[in-house]
Amino acid sequence: MHRGKGMKFVGDSRIKSYEKPKLNRDYSEFPGKTESFWPDFLLKEWMTGAVFLVAYLCLTVAHPSPLERVADPSDTGYTPLPDWYFLFLYQILKYTYASGPFNTFGAIVMPGIAFGALMLAPWLDRGPERKWTKRPLASGFMLLAVAIIFYTTWESSYYHDWKQQAQQGKIVFTNLDKKDPTYEKIIKSNCTSCHGGELTGGSGPNLVKSQLPAEGVKGFVENGSGAMPSFKDTLTKEQIDEVSKFIEGLEETDENGKPLKK
């Protein structure tokens, strides 16, 4: 086969002949289109990260974390609320077939199916199309997931009792002495499940703010009221008297333990 000028025969193809060795091209051959890693690129990344870090620190200083009162495992009336990005899962667990006896299905099976479908997405839709309108399967799953997340997040926040949430998490200082024998032996096992470990309210009313005299407390303990059962057959008269005097002496204080001015 005739070999043209500047051409070399390689197998069944023809390539140009290069006299100069093939070296890696220097970035300076493309001014304005590339940059050196050090210091240009790396310094720019550091500056960008520093700006975001300073902005984040200012945000945390200006808006400290919304701390609530000390967690109390004995307070069964407390309604926990997850952060906003988990509200959709929180709402799903309220539905009939995802709560109660179906808790496992709602908490594990349903999210497992969703994340499993996400992991299998590359195999479920293997089309070469890049435009989302030409990929109905992937686009349909994405739009359905976004719609469910948005709706359940809205529903959870709309129907949640925010006033009760703020009240139950409010930090309240009282003169409650948890080392008192009356609290340890009687109140802790009989009252805290409804009135909370701090006795500031749960599913039952706030006993610190009730300001009931000992006789009033004794009447409620012996006879019950509404959802509150009678403890007449559970506690002795001496124990009821101890509880009544203990509740009568409760009051709110400041963070230093001094009674608040009424």
C-alpha atoms as a PDB file:
ATOM      1  CA  MET A   1       0.000   0.000   0.000  1.00  0.00           C
ATOM      2  CA  HIS A   2       1.274   3.455  -0.882  1.00  0.00           C
ATOM      3  CA  ARG A   3       2.437   5.382   2.130  1.00  0.00           C
ATOM      4  CA  GLY A   4       1.684   9.084   1.872  1.00  0.00           C
ATOM      5  CA  LYS A   5       3.954  11.802   3.203  1.00  0.00           C
ATOM      6  CA  GLY A   6       3.662  12.181   6.962  1.00  0.00           C
ATOM      7  CA  MET A   7       1.726   8.937   7.308  1.00  0.00           C
ATOM      8  CA  LYS A   8       2.757   5.644   8.832  1.00  0.00           C
ATOM      9  CA  PHE A   9       1.035   2.375   8.235  1.00  0.00           C
ATOM     10  CA  VAL A  10      -0.140   0.738  11.464  1.00  0.00           C
ATOM     11  CA  GLY A  11      -2.166  -2.376  11.001  1.00  0.00           C
ATOM     12  CA  ASP A  12      -5.121  -1.423   8.787  1.00  0.00           C
ATOM     13  CA  SER A  13      -5.210   2.275   9.755  1.00  0.00           C
ATOM     14  CA  ARG A  14      -3.216   5.402   9.062  1.00  0.00           C
ATOM     15  CA  ILE A  15      -2.099   7.891  11.701  1.00  0.00           C
ATOM     16  CA  LYS A  16      -0.043  11.050  11.483  1.00  0.00           C
ATOM     17  CA  SER A  17       3.612  10.858  12.270  1.00  0.00           C
ATOM     18  CA  TYR A  18       4.798  12.921  15.240  1.00  0.00           C
ATOM     19  CA  GLU A  19       8.455  13.860  15.495  1.00  0.00           C
ATOM     20  CA  LYS A  20       8.095  15.380  18.963  1.00  0.00           C
ATOM     21  CA  PRO A  21       7.557  13.125  21.954  1.00  0.00           C
ATOM     22  CA  LYS A  22       3.976  13.059  23.271  1.00  0.00           C
ATOM     23  CA  LEU A  23       4.102  14.909  26.578  1.00  0.00           C
ATOM     24  CA  ASN A  24       1.303  15.907  28.873  1.00  0.00           C
ATOM     25  CA  ARG A  25      -0.103  19.264  27.884  1.00  0.00           C
ATOM     26  CA  ASP A  26       0.505  22.146  30.229  1.00  0.00           C
ATOM     27  CA  TYR A  27      -2.580  23.990  31.521  1.00  0.00           C
ATOM     28  CA  SER A  28      -1.074  27.273  30.252  1.00  0.00           C
ATOM     29  CA  GLU A  29      -1.990  26.195  26.701  1.00  0.00           C
ATOM     30  CA  PHE A  30      -5.636  26.925  27.590  1.00  0.00           C
ATOM     31  CA  PRO A  31      -5.682  30.352  29.294  1.00  0.00           C
ATOM     32  CA  GLY A  32      -8.897  31.055  31.215  1.00  0.00           C
ATOM     33  CA  LYS A  33     -10.156  27.488  30.865  1.00  0.00           C
ATOM     34  CA  THR A  34      -8.159  25.711  33.558  1.00  0.00           C
ATOM     35  CA  GLU A  35      -6.137  26.440  36.669  1.00  0.00           C
ATOM     36  CA  SER A  36      -3.487  24.883  38.840  1.00  0.00           C
ATOM     37  CA  PHE A  37      -4.648  22.776  41.752  1.00  0.00           C
ATOM     38  CA  TRP A  38      -2.321  24.604  44.154  1.00  0.00           C
ATOM     39  CA  PRO A  39      -2.812  27.310  45.096  1.00  0.00           C
ATOM     40  CA  ASP A  40      -5.596  28.547  42.769  1.00  0.00           C
ATOM     41  CA  PHE A  41      -8.206  25.773  42.982  1.00  0.00           C
ATOM     42  CA  LEU A  42      -7.550  24.705  46.578  1.00  0.00           C
ATOM     43  CA  LEU A  43      -7.498  28.267  47.919  1.00  0.00           C
ATOM     44  CA  LYS A  44     -10.820  29.010  46.261  1.00  0.00           C
ATOM     45  CA  GLU A  45     -12.380  25.910  47.830  1.00  0.00           C
ATOM     46  CA  TRP A  46     -11.050  26.872  51.262  1.00  0.00           C
ATOM     47  CA  MET A  47     -12.452  30.388  50.972  1.00  0.00           C
ATOM     48  CA  THR A  48     -15.870  29.074  49.945  1.00  0.00           C
ATOM     49  CA  GLY A  49     -15.892  26.601  52.840  1.00  0.00           C
ATOM     50  CA  ALA A  50     -14.842  29.317  55.298  1.00  0.00           C
ATOM     51  CA  VAL A  51     -17.733  31.584  54.228  1.00  0.00           C
ATOM     52  CA  PHE A  52     -20.294  28.802  54.753  1.00  0.00           C
ATOM     53  CA  LEU A  53     -18.722  27.817  58.081  1.00  0.00           C
ATOM     54  CA  VAL A  54     -18.849  31.388  59.410  1.00  0.00           C
ATOM     55  CA  ALA A  55     -22.462  31.741  58.252  1.00  0.00           C
ATOM     56  CA  TYR A  56     -23.366  28.455  59.988  1.00  0.00           C
ATOM     57  CA  LEU A  57     -21.666  29.524  63.227  1.00  0.00           C
ATOM     58  CA  CYS A  58     -23.531  32.856  63.181  1.00  0.00           C
ATOM     59  CA  LEU A  59     -26.801  30.983  62.691  1.00  0.00           C
ATOM     60  CA  THR A  60     -26.163  28.668  65.643  1.00  0.00           C
ATOM     61  CA  VAL A  61     -25.266  31.625  67.888  1.00  0.00           C
ATOM     62  CA  ALA A  62     -28.310  33.654  66.845  1.00  0.00           C
ATOM     63  CA  HIS A  63     -30.709  30.689  67.127  1.00  0.00           C
ATOM     64  CA  PRO A  64     -29.606  28.255  69.855  1.00  0.00           C
ATOM     65  CA  SER A  65     -31.062  24.779  69.939  1.00  0.00           C
ATOM     66  CA  PRO A  66     -34.613  24.695  71.361  1.00  0.00           C
ATOM     67  CA  LEU A  67     -33.919  22.675  74.483  1.00  0.00           C
ATOM     68  CA  GLU A  68     -36.819  21.241  76.435  1.00  0.00           C
ATOM     69  CA  ARG A  69     -37.038  20.038  80.001  1.00  0.00           C
ATOM     70  CA  VAL A  70     -35.091  16.991  81.156  1.00  0.00           C
ATOM     71  CA  ALA A  71     -36.322  13.787  79.505  1.00  0.00           C
ATOM     72  CA  ASP A  72     -38.575  11.844  81.834  1.00  0.00           C
ATOM     73  CA  PRO A  73     -39.189   8.163  80.938  1.00  0.00           C
ATOM     74  CA  SER A  74     -41.954   7.930  83.522  1.00  0.00           C
ATOM     75  CA  ASP A  75     -44.012  10.614  81.762  1.00  0.00           C
ATOM     76  CA  THR A  76     -46.234   8.543  79.479  1.00  0.00           C
ATOM     77  CA  GLY A  77     -48.289  11.602  78.565  1.00  0.00           C
ATOM     78  CA  TYR A  78     -45.407  13.253  76.739  1.00  0.00           C
ATOM     79  CA  THR A  79     -45.886  13.327  72.961  1.00  0.00           C
ATOM     80  CA  PRO A  80     -42.508  13.317  71.180  1.00  0.00           C
ATOM     81  CA  LEU A  81     -42.109  15.104  67.864  1.00  0.00           C
ATOM     82  CA  PRO A  82     -39.262  14.345  65.433  1.00  0.00           C
ATOM     83  CA  ASP A  83     -37.412  16.959  63.396  1.00  0.00           C
ATOM     84  CA  TRP A  84     -39.193  18.326  60.322  1.00  0.00           C
ATOM     85  CA  TYR A  85     -37.374  16.042  57.877  1.00  0.00           C
ATOM     86  CA  PHE A  86     -38.808  12.957  59.631  1.00  0.00           C
ATOM     87  CA  LEU A  87     -42.376  14.275  59.945  1.00  0.00           C
ATOM     88  CA  PHE A  88     -43.545  12.274  56.922  1.00  0.00           C
ATOM     89  CA  LEU A  89     -42.506   8.996  58.592  1.00  0.00           C
ATOM     90  CA  TYR A  90     -44.044  10.204  61.864  1.00  0.00           C
ATOM     91  CA  GLN A  91     -47.349  10.820  60.053  1.00  0.00           C
ATOM     92  CA  ILE A  92     -47.296   7.475  58.241  1.00  0.00           C
ATOM     93  CA  LEU A  93     -47.038   5.705  61.620  1.00  0.00           C
ATOM     94  CA  LYS A  94     -50.358   7.319  62.617  1.00  0.00           C
ATOM     95  CA  TYR A  95     -52.304   5.585  59.875  1.00  0.00           C
ATOM     96  CA  THR A  96     -54.399   2.530  60.736  1.00  0.00           C
ATOM     97  CA  TYR A  97     -52.344  -0.025  58.817  1.00  0.00           C
ATOM     98  CA  ALA A  98     -48.996   1.363  59.951  1.00  0.00           C
ATOM     99  CA  SER A  99     -49.554   1.691  63.708  1.00  0.00           C
ATOM    100  CA  GLY A 100     -50.689  -0.375  66.659  1.00  0.00           C
ATOM    101  CA  PRO A 101     -50.439  -4.073  65.750  1.00  0.00           C
ATOM    102  CA  PHE A 102     -49.065  -3.037  62.319  1.00  0.00           C
ATOM    103  CA  ASN A 103     -46.196  -1.011  63.774  1.00  0.00           C
ATOM    104  CA  THR A 104     -43.569  -3.294  62.262  1.00  0.00           C
ATOM    105  CA  PHE A 105     -45.100  -2.910  58.829  1.00  0.00           C
ATOM    106  CA  GLY A 106     -45.196   0.889  59.101  1.00  0.00           C
ATOM    107  CA  ALA A 107     -41.785   1.367  60.705  1.00  0.00           C
ATOM    108  CA  ILE A 108     -39.724  -1.248  58.837  1.00  0.00           C
ATOM    109  CA  VAL A 109     -41.502  -2.860  55.874  1.00  0.00           C
ATOM    110  CA  MET A 110     -42.856   0.286  54.167  1.00  0.00           C
ATOM    111  CA  PRO A 111     -39.605   2.324  54.394  1.00  0.00           C
ATOM    112  CA  GLY A 112     -37.698  -0.832  53.404  1.00  0.00           C
ATOM    113  CA  ILE A 113     -39.750  -1.188  50.219  1.00  0.00           C
ATOM    114  CA  ALA A 114     -39.219   2.497  49.392  1.00  0.00           C
ATOM    115  CA  PHE A 115     -35.455   2.390  49.902  1.00  0.00           C
ATOM    116  CA  GLY A 116     -35.261  -0.957  48.147  1.00  0.00           C
ATOM    117  CA  ALA A 117     -36.979   0.539  45.083  1.00  0.00           C
ATOM    118  CA  LEU A 118     -34.464   3.398  45.207  1.00  0.00           C
ATOM    119  CA  MET A 119     -31.559   0.946  45.231  1.00  0.00           C
ATOM    120  CA  LEU A 120     -33.062  -1.023  42.342  1.00  0.00           C
ATOM    121  CA  ALA A 121     -33.725   2.107  40.269  1.00  0.00           C
ATOM    122  CA  PRO A 122     -30.717   1.568  37.943  1.00  0.00           C
ATOM    123  CA  TRP A 123     -32.079  -1.875  37.011  1.00  0.00           C
ATOM    124  CA  LEU A 124     -35.760  -0.912  36.883  1.00  0.00           C
ATOM    125  CA  ASP A 125     -35.148   1.824  34.326  1.00  0.00           C
ATOM    126  CA  ARG A 126     -32.258   1.069  31.986  1.00  0.00           C
ATOM    127  CA  GLY A 127     -33.317   3.315  29.105  1.00  0.00           C
ATOM    128  CA  PRO A 128     -30.711   5.523  27.406  1.00  0.00           C
ATOM    129  CA  GLU A 129     -32.949   8.610  27.411  1.00  0.00           C
ATOM    130  CA  ARG A 130     -31.737  11.593  29.410  1.00  0.00           C
ATOM    131  CA  LYS A 131     -34.930  13.659  29.277  1.00  0.00           C
ATOM    132  CA  TRP A 132     -37.201  12.956  32.252  1.00  0.00           C
ATOM    133  CA  THR A 133     -40.383  13.077  30.160  1.00  0.00           C
ATOM    134  CA  LYS A 134     -39.152  10.099  28.162  1.00  0.00           C
ATOM    135  CA  ARG A 135     -38.488   8.011  31.271  1.00  0.00           C
ATOM    136  CA  PRO A 136     -42.008   7.451  32.652  1.00  0.00           C
ATOM    137  CA  LEU A 137     -41.084   4.745  35.149  1.00  0.00           C
ATOM    138  CA  ALA A 138     -38.307   6.659  36.937  1.00  0.00           C
ATOM    139  CA  SER A 139     -40.134   9.982  36.702  1.00  0.00           C
ATOM    140  CA  GLY A 140     -43.380   8.464  37.972  1.00  0.00           C
ATOM    141  CA  PHE A 141     -41.681   6.937  41.029  1.00  0.00           C
ATOM    142  CA  MET A 142     -39.885  10.212  41.756  1.00  0.00           C
ATOM    143  CA  LEU A 143     -43.033  12.363  41.503  1.00  0.00           C
ATOM    144  CA  LEU A 144     -45.028   9.887  43.590  1.00  0.00           C
ATOM    145  CA  ALA A 145     -42.384   9.829  46.341  1.00  0.00           C
ATOM    146  CA  VAL A 146     -42.105  13.640  46.406  1.00  0.00           C
ATOM    147  CA  ALA A 147     -45.901  14.011  46.536  1.00  0.00           C
ATOM    148  CA  ILE A 148     -46.218  11.538  49.435  1.00  0.00           C
ATOM    149  CA  ILE A 149     -43.407  13.192  51.413  1.00  0.00           C
ATOM    150  CA  PHE A 150     -44.799  16.696  50.914  1.00  0.00           C
ATOM    151  CA  TYR A 151     -48.372  15.727  51.767  1.00  0.00           C
ATOM    152  CA  THR A 152     -47.570  13.684  54.875  1.00  0.00           C
ATOM    153  CA  THR A 153     -45.180  16.392  56.131  1.00  0.00           C
ATOM    154  CA  TRP A 154     -47.906  19.023  55.701  1.00  0.00           C
ATOM    155  CA  GLU A 155     -50.546  16.812  57.327  1.00  0.00           C
ATOM    156  CA  SER A 156     -48.344  16.063  60.324  1.00  0.00           C
ATOM    157  CA  SER A 157     -47.496  19.727  60.961  1.00  0.00           C
ATOM    158  CA  TYR A 158     -51.050  20.957  60.327  1.00  0.00           C
ATOM    159  CA  TYR A 159     -52.812  18.624  62.765  1.00  0.00           C
ATOM    160  CA  HIS A 160     -50.163  18.652  65.485  1.00  0.00           C
ATOM    161  CA  ASP A 161     -51.034  20.472  68.717  1.00  0.00           C
ATOM    162  CA  TRP A 162     -48.186  22.984  68.813  1.00  0.00           C
ATOM    163  CA  LYS A 163     -49.468  24.694  71.972  1.00  0.00           C
ATOM    164  CA  GLN A 164     -49.372  21.435  73.893  1.00  0.00           C
ATOM    165  CA  GLN A 165     -45.939  20.715  72.420  1.00  0.00           C
ATOM    166  CA  ALA A 166     -44.571  24.017  73.734  1.00  0.00           C
ATOM    167  CA  GLN A 167     -46.211  23.531  77.112  1.00  0.00           C
ATOM    168  CA  GLN A 168     -45.066  19.964  77.712  1.00  0.00           C
ATOM    169  CA  GLY A 169     -41.478  20.793  76.794  1.00  0.00           C
ATOM    170  CA  LYS A 170     -41.309  24.022  78.777  1.00  0.00           C
ATOM    171  CA  ILE A 171     -38.537  24.134  81.354  1.00  0.00           C
ATOM    172  CA  VAL A 172     -40.129  24.721  84.764  1.00  0.00           C
ATOM    173  CA  PHE A 173     -38.232  25.084  88.026  1.00  0.00           C
ATOM    174  CA  THR A 174     -39.961  23.854  91.180  1.00  0.00           C
ATOM    175  CA  ASN A 175     -39.145  22.928  94.757  1.00  0.00           C
ATOM    176  CA  LEU A 176     -39.893  19.262  94.004  1.00  0.00           C
ATOM    177  CA  ASP A 177     -37.562  16.986  95.981  1.00  0.00           C
ATOM    178  CA  LYS A 178     -37.287  13.646  94.255  1.00  0.00           C
ATOM    179  CA  LYS A 179     -35.279  12.240  97.139  1.00  0.00           C
ATOM    180  CA  ASP A 180     -38.167  12.752  99.517  1.00  0.00           C
ATOM    181  CA  PRO A 181     -39.457   9.351 100.788  1.00  0.00           C
ATOM    182  CA  THR A 182     -43.036  10.320  99.880  1.00  0.00           C
ATOM    183  CA  TYR A 183     -42.041  10.887  96.278  1.00  0.00           C
ATOM    184  CA  GLU A 184     -39.812   7.811  96.016  1.00  0.00           C
ATOM    185  CA  LYS A 185     -42.161   5.316  97.689  1.00  0.00           C
ATOM    186  CA  ILE A 186     -45.646   6.582  96.782  1.00  0.00           C
ATOM    187  CA  ILE A 187     -45.836   9.339  94.154  1.00  0.00           C
ATOM    188  CA  LYS A 188     -43.271   7.922  91.718  1.00  0.00           C
ATOM    189  CA  SER A 189     -45.160   4.649  91.286  1.00  0.00           C
ATOM    190  CA  ASN A 190     -48.698   6.026  91.376  1.00  0.00           C
ATOM    191  CA  CYS A 191     -48.774   9.593  90.028  1.00  0.00           C
ATOM    192  CA  THR A 192     -45.939  10.227  87.569  1.00  0.00           C
ATOM    193  CA  SER A 193     -47.378   8.126  84.726  1.00  0.00           C
ATOM    194  CA  CYS A 194     -50.118  10.756  84.258  1.00  0.00           C
ATOM    195  CA  HIS A 195     -48.760  13.908  85.901  1.00  0.00           C
ATOM    196  CA  GLY A 196     -45.148  13.498  84.747  1.00  0.00           C
ATOM    197  CA  GLY A 197     -41.973  12.912  86.681  1.00  0.00           C
ATOM    198  CA  GLU A 198     -41.774  16.621  87.568  1.00  0.00           C
ATOM    199  CA  LEU A 199     -45.521  16.664  88.382  1.00  0.00           C
ATOM    200  CA  THR A 200     -45.865  19.541  85.935  1.00  0.00           C
ATOM    201  CA  GLY A 201     -48.452  17.748  83.825  1.00  0.00           C
ATOM    202  CA  GLY A 202     -48.727  15.074  81.171  1.00  0.00           C
ATOM    203  CA  SER A 203     -51.988  13.435  80.298  1.00  0.00           C
ATOM    204  CA  GLY A 204     -53.042  14.652  83.752  1.00  0.00           C
ATOM    205  CA  PRO A 205     -53.029  18.251  85.023  1.00  0.00           C
ATOM    206  CA  ASN A 206     -50.108  20.203  86.435  1.00  0.00           C
ATOM    207  CA  LEU A 207     -49.965  19.521  90.187  1.00  0.00           C
ATOM    208  CA  VAL A 208     -47.455  22.285  90.886  1.00  0.00           C
ATOM    209  CA  LYS A 209     -49.748  25.014  89.572  1.00  0.00           C
ATOM    210  CA  SER A 210     -52.888  23.502  91.026  1.00  0.00           C
ATOM    211  CA  GLN A 211     -52.308  25.236  94.389  1.00  0.00           C
ATOM    212  CA  LEU A 212     -54.756  22.868  96.038  1.00  0.00           C
ATOM    213  CA  PRO A 213     -54.897  22.665  99.837  1.00  0.00           C
ATOM    214  CA  ALA A 214     -54.143  19.325 101.467  1.00  0.00           C
ATOM    215  CA  GLU A 215     -57.840  18.578 101.953  1.00  0.00           C
ATOM    216  CA  GLY A 216     -58.553  19.193  98.261  1.00  0.00           C
ATOM    217  CA  VAL A 217     -55.752  16.889  97.198  1.00  0.00           C
ATOM    218  CA  LYS A 218     -56.984  14.265  99.650  1.00  0.00           C
ATOM    219  CA  GLY A 219     -60.474  14.397  98.124  1.00  0.00           C
ATOM    220  CA  PHE A 220     -59.153  13.806  94.613  1.00  0.00           C
ATOM    221  CA  VAL A 221     -56.902  10.934  95.736  1.00  0.00           C
ATOM    222  CA  GLU A 222     -59.659   9.174  97.684  1.00  0.00           C
ATOM    223  CA  ASN A 223     -62.549   9.696  95.265  1.00  0.00           C
ATOM    224  CA  GLY A 224     -60.890  10.202  91.884  1.00  0.00           C
ATOM    225  CA  SER A 225     -62.154  12.598  89.212  1.00  0.00           C
ATOM    226  CA  GLY A 226     -62.830  12.032  85.517  1.00  0.00           C
ATOM    227  CA  ALA A 227     -60.047   9.856  84.097  1.00  0.00           C
ATOM    228  CA  MET A 228     -58.258   9.825  87.455  1.00  0.00           C
ATOM    229  CA  PRO A 229     -59.017   6.641  89.426  1.00  0.00           C
ATOM    230  CA  SER A 230     -59.592   6.452  93.157  1.00  0.00           C
ATOM    231  CA  PHE A 231     -56.630   5.387  95.286  1.00  0.00           C
ATOM    232  CA  LYS A 232     -58.736   4.769  98.375  1.00  0.00           C
ATOM    233  CA  ASP A 233     -58.222   1.010  98.141  1.00  0.00           C
ATOM    234  CA  THR A 234     -54.609   1.296  96.949  1.00  0.00           C
ATOM    235  CA  LEU A 235     -53.073   3.611  99.539  1.00  0.00           C
ATOM    236  CA  THR A 236     -53.474   3.736 103.293  1.00  0.00           C
ATOM    237  CA  LYS A 237     -54.863   6.818 105.042  1.00  0.00           C
ATOM    238  CA  GLU A 238     -51.394   7.713 106.242  1.00  0.00           C
ATOM    239  CA  GLN A 239     -50.006   7.507 102.723  1.00  0.00           C
ATOM    240  CA  ILE A 240     -52.852   9.651 101.349  1.00  0.00           C
ATOM    241  CA  ASP A 241     -52.137  12.259 104.031  1.00  0.00           C
ATOM    242  CA  GLU A 242     -48.445  12.258 103.117  1.00  0.00           C
ATOM    243  CA  VAL A 243     -49.253  12.732  99.409  1.00  0.00           C
ATOM    244  CA  SER A 244     -51.711  15.534 100.187  1.00  0.00           C
ATOM    245  CA  LYS A 245     -49.188  17.489 102.262  1.00  0.00           C
ATOM    246  CA  PHE A 246     -46.463  16.904  99.676  1.00  0.00           C
ATOM    247  CA  ILE A 247     -48.592  18.252  96.803  1.00  0.00           C
ATOM    248  CA  GLU A 248     -49.788  21.191  98.880  1.00  0.00           C
ATOM    249  CA  GLY A 249     -46.203  22.302  99.437  1.00  0.00           C
ATOM    250  CA  LEU A 250     -45.226  22.328  95.749  1.00  0.00           C
ATOM    251  CA  GLU A 251     -44.585  25.658  94.057  1.00  0.00           C
ATOM    252  CA  GLU A 252     -42.686  27.113  91.113  1.00  0.00           C
ATOM    253  CA  THR A 253     -39.282  28.670  91.700  1.00  0.00           C
ATOM    254  CA  ASP A 254     -36.638  30.451  89.685  1.00  0.00           C
ATOM    255  CA  GLU A 255     -33.468  28.708  88.534  1.00  0.00           C
ATOM    256  CA  ASN A 256     -31.874  29.466  91.922  1.00  0.00           C
ATOM    257  CA  GLY A 257     -34.658  27.760  93.876  1.00  0.00           C
ATOM    258  CA  LYS A 258     -36.316  30.949  95.138  1.00  0.00           C
ATOM    259  CA  PRO A 259     -40.151  30.969  95.063  1.00  0.00           C
ATOM    260  CA  LEU A 260     -41.688  33.073  92.312  1.00  0.00           C
ATOM    261  CA  LYS A 261     -43.616  36.156  93.320  1.00  0.00           C
ATOM    262  CA  LYS A 262     -47.348  35.535  93.088  1.00  0.00           C
END
